[in-house]
Amino acid sequence: MPYAALTPPEAARWAHRAGLVLPADRHAAVAATADHIHSVVAVLRELDFGDTPPAPAYRATAAKETHDAAV
């Protein structure tokens, strides 16, 4: 699905809708930041996690490491 970049006026409108006070000089920066976050999330959505178990299934202490100083 194509994504249209968030414009500064739209960023201001969404901030107002969320009850946030957004100074006029921040509209462009907020829109750019939101677009960057969207691009990162879009890449993550494309990843195939396949058989990756959920985080609660991972136990960091389950694997025992053998420390050997020999090179």
PDB file of N, CA and C in Angstrom:
ATOM      1  N   MET A   1       0.844  -1.164   0.000  1.00  0.00           N
ATOM      2  CA  MET A   1       0.000   0.000   0.000  1.00  0.00           C
ATOM      3  C   MET A   1       0.895   1.235   0.000  1.00  0.00           C
ATOM      4  N   PRO A   2       0.719   2.121  -0.950  1.00  0.00           N
ATOM      5  CA  PRO A   2       1.552   3.315  -1.018  1.00  0.00           C
ATOM      6  C   PRO A   2       1.288   4.241   0.174  1.00  0.00           C
ATOM      7  N   TYR A   3       2.314   4.953   0.542  1.00  0.00           N
ATOM      8  CA  TYR A   3       2.229   5.858   1.680  1.00  0.00           C
ATOM      9  C   TYR A   3       2.547   7.266   1.207  1.00  0.00           C
ATOM     10  N   ALA A   4       1.637   8.195   1.475  1.00  0.00           N
ATOM     11  CA  ALA A   4       1.880   9.599   1.155  1.00  0.00           C
ATOM     12  C   ALA A   4       2.543  10.241   2.366  1.00  0.00           C
ATOM     13  N   ALA A   5       3.627  10.950   2.135  1.00  0.00           N
ATOM     14  CA  ALA A   5       4.370  11.569   3.226  1.00  0.00           C
ATOM     15  C   ALA A   5       3.470  12.512   4.023  1.00  0.00           C
ATOM     16  N   LEU A   6       3.694  12.555   5.308  1.00  0.00           N
ATOM     17  CA  LEU A   6       2.945  13.437   6.189  1.00  0.00           C
ATOM     18  C   LEU A   6       3.424  14.869   5.983  1.00  0.00           C
ATOM     19  N   THR A   7       2.497  15.752   5.740  1.00  0.00           N
ATOM     20  CA  THR A   7       2.862  17.154   5.528  1.00  0.00           C
ATOM     21  C   THR A   7       2.859  17.886   6.872  1.00  0.00           C
ATOM     22  N   PRO A   8       3.584  18.998   6.966  1.00  0.00           N
ATOM     23  CA  PRO A   8       3.577  19.757   8.221  1.00  0.00           C
ATOM     24  C   PRO A   8       2.175  20.165   8.698  1.00  0.00           C
ATOM     25  N   PRO A   9       1.272  20.614   7.793  1.00  0.00           N
ATOM     26  CA  PRO A   9      -0.079  20.928   8.285  1.00  0.00           C
ATOM     27  C   PRO A   9      -0.823  19.701   8.828  1.00  0.00           C
ATOM     28  N   GLU A  10      -0.587  18.539   8.217  1.00  0.00           N
ATOM     29  CA  GLU A  10      -1.222  17.315   8.725  1.00  0.00           C
ATOM     30  C   GLU A  10      -0.656  16.948  10.090  1.00  0.00           C
ATOM     31  N   ALA A  11       0.658  17.128  10.269  1.00  0.00           N
ATOM     32  CA  ALA A  11       1.281  16.854  11.571  1.00  0.00           C
ATOM     33  C   ALA A  11       0.661  17.749  12.637  1.00  0.00           C
ATOM     34  N   ALA A  12       0.440  19.010  12.303  1.00  0.00           N
ATOM     35  CA  ALA A  12      -0.185  19.938  13.245  1.00  0.00           C
ATOM     36  C   ALA A  12      -1.611  19.505  13.570  1.00  0.00           C
ATOM     37  N   ARG A  13      -2.328  19.068  12.552  1.00  0.00           N
ATOM     38  CA  ARG A  13      -3.711  18.635  12.762  1.00  0.00           C
ATOM     39  C   ARG A  13      -3.777  17.402  13.653  1.00  0.00           C
ATOM     40  N   TRP A  14      -2.892  16.427  13.406  1.00  0.00           N
ATOM     41  CA  TRP A  14      -2.872  15.213  14.225  1.00  0.00           C
ATOM     42  C   TRP A  14      -2.450  15.519  15.659  1.00  0.00           C
ATOM     43  N   ALA A  15      -1.497  16.425  15.831  1.00  0.00           N
ATOM     44  CA  ALA A  15      -1.083  16.818  17.186  1.00  0.00           C
ATOM     45  C   ALA A  15      -2.250  17.463  17.927  1.00  0.00           C
ATOM     46  N   HIS A  16      -2.945  18.366  17.239  1.00  0.00           N
ATOM     47  CA  HIS A  16      -4.100  19.028  17.848  1.00  0.00           C
ATOM     48  C   HIS A  16      -5.173  18.005  18.207  1.00  0.00           C
ATOM     49  N   ARG A  17      -5.398  17.055  17.306  1.00  0.00           N
ATOM     50  CA  ARG A  17      -6.411  16.019  17.542  1.00  0.00           C
ATOM     51  C   ARG A  17      -6.065  15.176  18.772  1.00  0.00           C
ATOM     52  N   ALA A  18      -4.748  14.978  19.005  1.00  0.00           N
ATOM     53  CA  ALA A  18      -4.300  14.198  20.154  1.00  0.00           C
ATOM     54  C   ALA A  18      -4.230  15.043  21.430  1.00  0.00           C
ATOM     55  N   GLY A  19      -4.552  16.339  21.309  1.00  0.00           N
ATOM     56  CA  GLY A  19      -4.530  17.208  22.467  1.00  0.00           C
ATOM     57  C   GLY A  19      -3.155  17.752  22.802  1.00  0.00           C
ATOM     58  N   LEU A  20      -2.247  17.714  21.840  1.00  0.00           N
ATOM     59  CA  LEU A  20      -0.887  18.202  22.055  1.00  0.00           C
ATOM     60  C   LEU A  20      -0.730  19.606  21.487  1.00  0.00           C
ATOM     61  N   VAL A  21      -0.004  20.423  22.211  1.00  0.00           N
ATOM     62  CA  VAL A  21       0.303  21.765  21.729  1.00  0.00           C
ATOM     63  C   VAL A  21       1.600  21.663  20.932  1.00  0.00           C
ATOM     64  N   LEU A  22       1.538  21.967  19.647  1.00  0.00           N
ATOM     65  CA  LEU A  22       2.696  21.860  18.770  1.00  0.00           C
ATOM     66  C   LEU A  22       2.976  23.230  18.164  1.00  0.00           C
ATOM     67  N   PRO A  23       4.067  23.872  18.599  1.00  0.00           N
ATOM     68  CA  PRO A  23       4.399  25.191  18.046  1.00  0.00           C
ATOM     69  C   PRO A  23       4.589  25.117  16.530  1.00  0.00           C
ATOM     70  N   ALA A  24       4.251  26.181  15.849  1.00  0.00           N
ATOM     71  CA  ALA A  24       4.309  26.223  14.386  1.00  0.00           C
ATOM     72  C   ALA A  24       5.690  25.909  13.835  1.00  0.00           C
ATOM     73  N   ASP A  25       6.738  26.289  14.568  1.00  0.00           N
ATOM     74  CA  ASP A  25       8.092  26.032  14.059  1.00  0.00           C
ATOM     75  C   ASP A  25       8.498  24.565  14.177  1.00  0.00           C
ATOM     76  N   ARG A  26       7.677  23.731  14.795  1.00  0.00           N
ATOM     77  CA  ARG A  26       7.981  22.300  14.958  1.00  0.00           C
ATOM     78  C   ARG A  26       7.212  21.415  13.987  1.00  0.00           C
ATOM     79  N   HIS A  27       6.269  21.965  13.254  1.00  0.00           N
ATOM     80  CA  HIS A  27       5.432  21.155  12.362  1.00  0.00           C
ATOM     81  C   HIS A  27       6.270  20.352  11.365  1.00  0.00           C
ATOM     82  N   ALA A  28       7.220  20.992  10.705  1.00  0.00           N
ATOM     83  CA  ALA A  28       8.034  20.296   9.694  1.00  0.00           C
ATOM     84  C   ALA A  28       8.902  19.216  10.323  1.00  0.00           C
ATOM     85  N   ALA A  29       9.480  19.505  11.484  1.00  0.00           N
ATOM     86  CA  ALA A  29      10.335  18.512  12.146  1.00  0.00           C
ATOM     87  C   ALA A  29       9.535  17.294  12.590  1.00  0.00           C
ATOM     88  N   VAL A  30       8.347  17.525  13.115  1.00  0.00           N
ATOM     89  CA  VAL A  30       7.492  16.412  13.545  1.00  0.00           C
ATOM     90  C   VAL A  30       7.058  15.578  12.341  1.00  0.00           C
ATOM     91  N   ALA A  31       6.711  16.229  11.244  1.00  0.00           N
ATOM     92  CA  ALA A  31       6.315  15.500  10.036  1.00  0.00           C
ATOM     93  C   ALA A  31       7.475  14.662   9.515  1.00  0.00           C
ATOM     94  N   ALA A  32       8.686  15.217   9.502  1.00  0.00           N
ATOM     95  CA  ALA A  32       9.862  14.470   9.025  1.00  0.00           C
ATOM     96  C   ALA A  32      10.154  13.282   9.933  1.00  0.00           C
ATOM     97  N   THR A  33      10.042  13.479  11.242  1.00  0.00           N
ATOM     98  CA  THR A  33      10.280  12.392  12.195  1.00  0.00           C
ATOM     99  C   THR A  33       9.245  11.289  12.031  1.00  0.00           C
ATOM    100  N   ALA A  34       7.991  11.654  11.873  1.00  0.00           N
ATOM    101  CA  ALA A  34       6.935  10.661  11.674  1.00  0.00           C
ATOM    102  C   ALA A  34       7.169   9.873  10.384  1.00  0.00           C
ATOM    103  N   ASP A  35       7.606  10.543   9.327  1.00  0.00           N
ATOM    104  CA  ASP A  35       7.894   9.849   8.070  1.00  0.00           C
ATOM    105  C   ASP A  35       9.057   8.872   8.236  1.00  0.00           C
ATOM    106  N   HIS A  36      10.075   9.276   9.001  1.00  0.00           N
ATOM    107  CA  HIS A  36      11.216   8.381   9.231  1.00  0.00           C
ATOM    108  C   HIS A  36      10.769   7.150  10.017  1.00  0.00           C
ATOM    109  N   ILE A  37       9.990   7.356  11.062  1.00  0.00           N
ATOM    110  CA  ILE A  37       9.499   6.228  11.852  1.00  0.00           C
ATOM    111  C   ILE A  37       8.664   5.300  10.968  1.00  0.00           C
ATOM    112  N   HIS A  38       7.841   5.871  10.126  1.00  0.00           N
ATOM    113  CA  HIS A  38       7.025   5.053   9.225  1.00  0.00           C
ATOM    114  C   HIS A  38       7.904   4.222   8.293  1.00  0.00           C
ATOM    115  N   SER A  39       8.989   4.798   7.779  1.00  0.00           N
ATOM    116  CA  SER A  39       9.860   4.048   6.867  1.00  0.00           C
ATOM    117  C   SER A  39      10.558   2.903   7.594  1.00  0.00           C
ATOM    118  N   VAL A  40      10.944   3.105   8.840  1.00  0.00           N
ATOM    119  CA  VAL A  40      11.582   2.035   9.619  1.00  0.00           C
ATOM    120  C   VAL A  40      10.587   0.912   9.899  1.00  0.00           C
ATOM    121  N   VAL A  41       9.382   1.269  10.306  1.00  0.00           N
ATOM    122  CA  VAL A  41       8.362   0.266  10.595  1.00  0.00           C
ATOM    123  C   VAL A  41       7.999  -0.502   9.324  1.00  0.00           C
ATOM    124  N   ALA A  42       7.969   0.173   8.193  1.00  0.00           N
ATOM    125  CA  ALA A  42       7.655  -0.503   6.924  1.00  0.00           C
ATOM    126  C   ALA A  42       8.690  -1.577   6.613  1.00  0.00           C
ATOM    127  N   VAL A  43       9.958  -1.304   6.887  1.00  0.00           N
ATOM    128  CA  VAL A  43      11.007  -2.302   6.654  1.00  0.00           C
ATOM    129  C   VAL A  43      10.821  -3.477   7.611  1.00  0.00           C
ATOM    130  N   LEU A  44      10.515  -3.201   8.865  1.00  0.00           N
ATOM    131  CA  LEU A  44      10.311  -4.279   9.833  1.00  0.00           C
ATOM    132  C   LEU A  44       9.129  -5.155   9.459  1.00  0.00           C
ATOM    133  N   ARG A  45       8.089  -4.563   8.883  1.00  0.00           N
ATOM    134  CA  ARG A  45       6.918  -5.352   8.483  1.00  0.00           C
ATOM    135  C   ARG A  45       7.231  -6.307   7.342  1.00  0.00           C
ATOM    136  N   GLU A  46       8.262  -6.024   6.575  1.00  0.00           N
ATOM    137  CA  GLU A  46       8.631  -6.876   5.457  1.00  0.00           C
ATOM    138  C   GLU A  46       9.433  -8.098   5.891  1.00  0.00           C
ATOM    139  N   LEU A  47       9.957  -8.093   7.113  1.00  0.00           N
ATOM    140  CA  LEU A  47      10.765  -9.209   7.586  1.00  0.00           C
ATOM    141  C   LEU A  47       9.912 -10.443   7.817  1.00  0.00           C
ATOM    142  N   ASP A  48      10.480 -11.592   7.472  1.00  0.00           N
ATOM    143  CA  ASP A  48       9.787 -12.851   7.685  1.00  0.00           C
ATOM    144  C   ASP A  48      10.368 -13.502   8.935  1.00  0.00           C
ATOM    145  N   PHE A  49       9.581 -13.517  10.002  1.00  0.00           N
ATOM    146  CA  PHE A  49      10.059 -14.100  11.242  1.00  0.00           C
ATOM    147  C   PHE A  49       9.767 -15.589  11.312  1.00  0.00           C
ATOM    148  N   GLY A  50       8.999 -16.089  10.372  1.00  0.00           N
ATOM    149  CA  GLY A  50       8.762 -17.518  10.231  1.00  0.00           C
ATOM    150  C   GLY A  50       8.567 -18.272  11.530  1.00  0.00           C
ATOM    151  N   ASP A  51       9.547 -19.104  11.877  1.00  0.00           N
ATOM    152  CA  ASP A  51       9.449 -19.965  13.051  1.00  0.00           C
ATOM    153  C   ASP A  51      10.075 -19.351  14.299  1.00  0.00           C
ATOM    154  N   THR A  52      10.261 -18.065  14.303  1.00  0.00           N
ATOM    155  CA  THR A  52      10.845 -17.413  15.470  1.00  0.00           C
ATOM    156  C   THR A  52       9.853 -17.473  16.625  1.00  0.00           C
ATOM    157  N   PRO A  53      10.274 -18.056  17.760  1.00  0.00           N
ATOM    158  CA  PRO A  53       9.350 -18.129  18.892  1.00  0.00           C
ATOM    159  C   PRO A  53       9.154 -16.755  19.527  1.00  0.00           C
ATOM    160  N   PRO A  54       8.065 -16.564  20.227  1.00  0.00           N
ATOM    161  CA  PRO A  54       7.837 -15.278  20.889  1.00  0.00           C
ATOM    162  C   PRO A  54       8.876 -15.037  21.981  1.00  0.00           C
ATOM    163  N   ALA A  55       9.083 -13.800  22.344  1.00  0.00           N
ATOM    164  CA  ALA A  55      10.107 -13.414  23.316  1.00  0.00           C
ATOM    165  C   ALA A  55      10.001 -14.173  24.648  1.00  0.00           C
ATOM    166  N   PRO A  56       8.821 -14.430  25.199  1.00  0.00           N
ATOM    167  CA  PRO A  56       8.767 -15.156  26.482  1.00  0.00           C
ATOM    168  C   PRO A  56       9.354 -16.568  26.401  1.00  0.00           C
ATOM    169  N   ALA A  57       9.477 -17.134  25.205  1.00  0.00           N
ATOM    170  CA  ALA A  57      10.036 -18.473  25.056  1.00  0.00           C
ATOM    171  C   ALA A  57      11.558 -18.469  25.131  1.00  0.00           C
ATOM    172  N   TYR A  58      12.174 -17.299  25.025  1.00  0.00           N
ATOM    173  CA  TYR A  58      13.630 -17.199  25.047  1.00  0.00           C
ATOM    174  C   TYR A  58      14.131 -17.159  26.486  1.00  0.00           C
ATOM    175  N   ARG A  59      15.138 -17.987  26.779  1.00  0.00           N
ATOM    176  CA  ARG A  59      15.746 -17.996  28.104  1.00  0.00           C
ATOM    177  C   ARG A  59      17.239 -17.799  27.936  1.00  0.00           C
ATOM    178  N   ALA A  60      17.727 -16.670  28.367  1.00  0.00           N
ATOM    179  CA  ALA A  60      19.138 -16.335  28.220  1.00  0.00           C
ATOM    180  C   ALA A  60      20.029 -17.269  29.016  1.00  0.00           C
ATOM    181  N   THR A  61      19.540 -17.843  30.087  1.00  0.00           N
ATOM    182  CA  THR A  61      20.356 -18.711  30.942  1.00  0.00           C
ATOM    183  C   THR A  61      20.349 -20.159  30.465  1.00  0.00           C
ATOM    184  N   ALA A  62      19.554 -20.485  29.466  1.00  0.00           N
ATOM    185  CA  ALA A  62      19.444 -21.863  29.010  1.00  0.00           C
ATOM    186  C   ALA A  62      20.734 -22.378  28.354  1.00  0.00           C
ATOM    187  N   ALA A  63      21.435 -21.529  27.644  1.00  0.00           N
ATOM    188  CA  ALA A  63      22.654 -21.944  26.946  1.00  0.00           C
ATOM    189  C   ALA A  63      23.857 -21.738  27.874  1.00  0.00           C
ATOM    190  N   LYS A  64      24.611 -22.798  28.079  1.00  0.00           N
ATOM    191  CA  LYS A  64      25.798 -22.722  28.926  1.00  0.00           C
ATOM    192  C   LYS A  64      27.011 -22.519  28.009  1.00  0.00           C
ATOM    193  N   GLU A  65      27.783 -21.481  28.300  1.00  0.00           N
ATOM    194  CA  GLU A  65      28.986 -21.233  27.513  1.00  0.00           C
ATOM    195  C   GLU A  65      30.181 -21.860  28.203  1.00  0.00           C
ATOM    196  N   THR A  66      31.081 -22.402  27.413  1.00  0.00           N
ATOM    197  CA  THR A  66      32.325 -22.927  27.945  1.00  0.00           C
ATOM    198  C   THR A  66      33.399 -21.892  27.672  1.00  0.00           C
ATOM    199  N   HIS A  67      33.983 -21.404  28.750  1.00  0.00           N
ATOM    200  CA  HIS A  67      35.020 -20.413  28.616  1.00  0.00           C
ATOM    201  C   HIS A  67      36.376 -21.120  28.577  1.00  0.00           C
ATOM    202  N   ASP A  68      37.114 -20.917  27.515  1.00  0.00           N
ATOM    203  CA  ASP A  68      38.417 -21.547  27.347  1.00  0.00           C
ATOM    204  C   ASP A  68      39.400 -20.472  26.913  1.00  0.00           C
ATOM    205  N   ALA A  69      40.452 -20.316  27.676  1.00  0.00           N
ATOM    206  CA  ALA A  69      41.426 -19.261  27.375  1.00  0.00           C
ATOM    207  C   ALA A  69      42.428 -19.679  26.311  1.00  0.00           C
ATOM    208  N   ALA A  70      42.356 -20.914  25.863  1.00  0.00           N
ATOM    209  CA  ALA A  70      43.299 -21.380  24.846  1.00  0.00           C
ATOM    210  C   ALA A  70      42.992 -20.738  23.518  1.00  0.00           C
ATOM    211  N   VAL A  71      44.069 -20.385  22.792  1.00  0.00           N
ATOM    212  CA  VAL A  71      43.880 -19.746  21.495  1.00  0.00           C
ATOM    213  C   VAL A  71      44.237 -20.709  20.403  1.00  0.00           C
TER     214      VAL A  71
END
